[in-house]
Structure formats: C-alpha cells, structure tokens
C-alpha cells in the first residue's frame, strides 16, 4: 500500500519560514517525480513546485526565489523549504509522487497559515 505523509505545517508570521516534509512508503521513490501543490480557501488546487527523478525543478512564479523543493531518496522523503512567507501562501499543502498516468499518489495535506 502506497502512503505519502506530510508534516511540518503550522502557523507562522509573515516573513517567517517553514519546512514541509513528505515521507513516502510502498513505492520505489527514486523512480518518481515529486511535487508540492496547494489549495487555498475558495480556490482550486495549484502547483507549487515539482522535482523530477533527474533533478529538474519547476516552480510557480508566485514562489520562485522563496521556496525550494528537494528530495532525499535514501529517506524516501521530499521537502519544501518555504522562506519569506506571505499571507497569500496560506493553504493546505499536498505532496504528490508521479511516475505515469495511473501511477500517481497524494498525501492527505498539511495546513500552512501565514498570519500575525
């Protein structure tokens, strides 16, 4: 059974930092592209960042220069370092592992709230 479990969310003040983690089990993690997505209240889920098994990254324009995605295949874990957080970064953040259509998994989400 494949599981992705996110952690690291919470409440942070504007300008602060958080690091999200997502631990995977049940898959050969190194073969999968990984990504972080988010859904803000009243909005559709959007891409935040992705990282292929070859190390190629892609970021949403809104987070470029502030967020960094990384992976540790030995630990089956993907990270999202979030710096200079803004209130508009408030959302539920989801991790994803994808190899091909139908071989695509999601975590349960972790809440990030940026507020005074």
Protein backbone atom coordinates (compact mmCIF):
# COMPACT_ATOMS: atom_id res chain seq x y z
CA UNK A 1 0.00 0.00 0.00
CA UNK A 2 1.36 3.37 -1.03
CA UNK A 3 1.35 6.16 1.55
CA UNK A 4 2.52 9.75 1.47
CA UNK A 5 2.54 11.50 4.83
CA UNK A 6 3.14 15.25 5.08
CA UNK A 7 4.35 17.07 8.16
CA UNK A 8 5.74 20.44 9.14
CA UNK A 9 2.76 22.70 8.59
CA UNK A 10 1.61 25.25 11.13
CA UNK A 11 1.08 28.90 11.94
CA UNK A 12 3.85 31.35 11.06
CA UNK A 13 4.10 35.12 10.91
CA UNK A 14 4.62 36.93 7.60
CA UNK A 15 8.28 36.84 6.65
CA UNK A 16 8.83 33.60 8.52
CA UNK A 17 9.89 30.16 7.34
CA UNK A 18 8.61 26.62 7.44
CA UNK A 19 9.90 23.34 6.09
CA UNK A 20 7.39 20.75 4.94
CA UNK A 21 8.31 17.09 4.71
CA UNK A 22 6.59 14.24 2.91
CA UNK A 23 7.60 10.66 3.64
CA UNK A 24 6.67 8.01 1.10
CA UNK A 25 6.29 4.27 1.53
CA UNK A 26 5.21 1.45 -0.75
CA UNK A 27 6.93 2.76 -3.89
CA UNK A 28 10.45 2.87 -5.31
CA UNK A 29 10.61 6.55 -4.53
CA UNK A 30 13.67 7.37 -6.62
CA UNK A 31 11.80 6.46 -9.81
CA UNK A 32 9.09 9.06 -9.22
CA UNK A 33 8.80 12.74 -9.89
CA UNK A 34 7.67 14.55 -6.76
CA UNK A 35 5.80 17.75 -6.22
CA UNK A 36 4.03 20.08 -3.84
CA UNK A 37 0.62 21.56 -4.57
CA UNK A 38 -1.64 23.76 -2.51
CA UNK A 39 -5.29 24.69 -2.19
CA UNK A 40 -6.22 28.00 -0.64
CA UNK A 41 -9.74 28.59 0.73
CA UNK A 42 -12.19 29.07 -2.12
CA UNK A 43 -9.57 28.36 -4.79
CA UNK A 44 -8.56 25.44 -6.96
CA UNK A 45 -5.51 23.35 -6.20
CA UNK A 46 -2.39 24.79 -7.81
CA UNK A 47 1.14 23.64 -8.48
CA UNK A 48 3.80 24.98 -6.13
CA UNK A 49 6.92 23.09 -7.16
CA UNK A 50 7.97 19.86 -8.83
CA UNK A 51 11.21 17.88 -8.95
CA UNK A 52 11.86 15.06 -11.38
CA UNK A 53 13.86 11.94 -10.63
CA UNK A 54 16.60 13.52 -12.77
CA UNK A 55 16.72 16.60 -10.56
CA UNK A 56 14.87 19.08 -12.77
CA UNK A 57 12.82 21.60 -10.82
CA UNK A 58 9.85 23.74 -11.71
CA UNK A 59 8.27 26.44 -9.56
CA UNK A 60 5.15 28.53 -9.68
CA UNK A 61 6.02 32.16 -10.40
CA UNK A 62 4.49 33.18 -7.08
CA UNK A 63 7.04 31.19 -5.07
CA UNK A 64 10.19 31.49 -7.17
CA UNK A 65 13.11 32.70 -5.09
CA UNK A 66 11.29 31.96 -1.82
CA UNK A 67 10.56 28.21 -1.89
CA UNK A 68 12.93 25.32 -2.56
CA UNK A 69 11.95 21.74 -3.29
CA UNK A 70 14.41 18.94 -2.57
CA UNK A 71 14.41 15.20 -2.11
CA UNK A 72 16.33 12.57 -0.19
CA UNK A 73 15.78 9.28 -1.99
CA UNK A 74 17.61 7.37 0.74
CA UNK A 75 14.91 8.53 3.16
CA UNK A 76 12.04 8.38 0.64
CA UNK A 77 11.29 11.97 1.54
CA UNK A 78 10.59 15.20 -0.32
CA UNK A 79 10.92 18.61 1.31
CA UNK A 80 9.63 22.09 0.68
CA UNK A 81 11.60 24.88 2.30
CA UNK A 82 9.43 27.97 2.44
CA UNK A 83 11.02 31.32 3.25
CA UNK A 84 9.69 34.88 3.28
CA UNK A 85 6.18 33.57 3.73
CA UNK A 86 3.25 35.78 2.83
CA UNK A 87 -0.40 35.67 3.94
CA UNK A 88 -1.31 34.58 0.41
CA UNK A 89 0.74 31.41 0.94
CA UNK A 90 -1.92 30.25 3.40
CA UNK A 91 -3.29 26.95 2.11
CA UNK A 92 -3.40 23.23 2.58
CA UNK A 93 -0.23 21.83 1.05
CA UNK A 94 -0.23 18.41 -0.60
CA UNK A 95 2.68 16.30 -1.76
CA UNK A 96 2.49 14.16 -4.87
CA UNK A 97 4.55 11.35 -6.36
CA UNK A 98 4.01 10.60 -10.03
CA UNK A 99 5.58 8.21 -12.49
CA UNK A 100 2.92 7.91 -15.18
CA UNK A 101 -0.83 8.20 -15.60
CA UNK A 102 -2.41 5.85 -13.10
CA UNK A 103 0.76 5.64 -11.02
CA UNK A 104 0.15 8.84 -9.12
CA UNK A 105 -0.19 9.30 -5.36
CA UNK A 106 -1.19 12.10 -2.98
CA UNK A 107 -0.72 12.83 0.68
CA UNK A 108 -3.50 13.91 2.99
CA UNK A 109 -2.34 17.53 3.20
CA UNK A 110 -0.89 19.79 5.85
CA UNK A 111 -2.20 23.23 6.78
CA UNK A 112 0.05 26.25 6.46
CA UNK A 113 -1.28 29.52 7.87
CA UNK A 114 0.64 32.77 7.50
CA UNK A 115 -0.78 35.41 9.80
CA UNK A 116 0.12 37.87 12.53
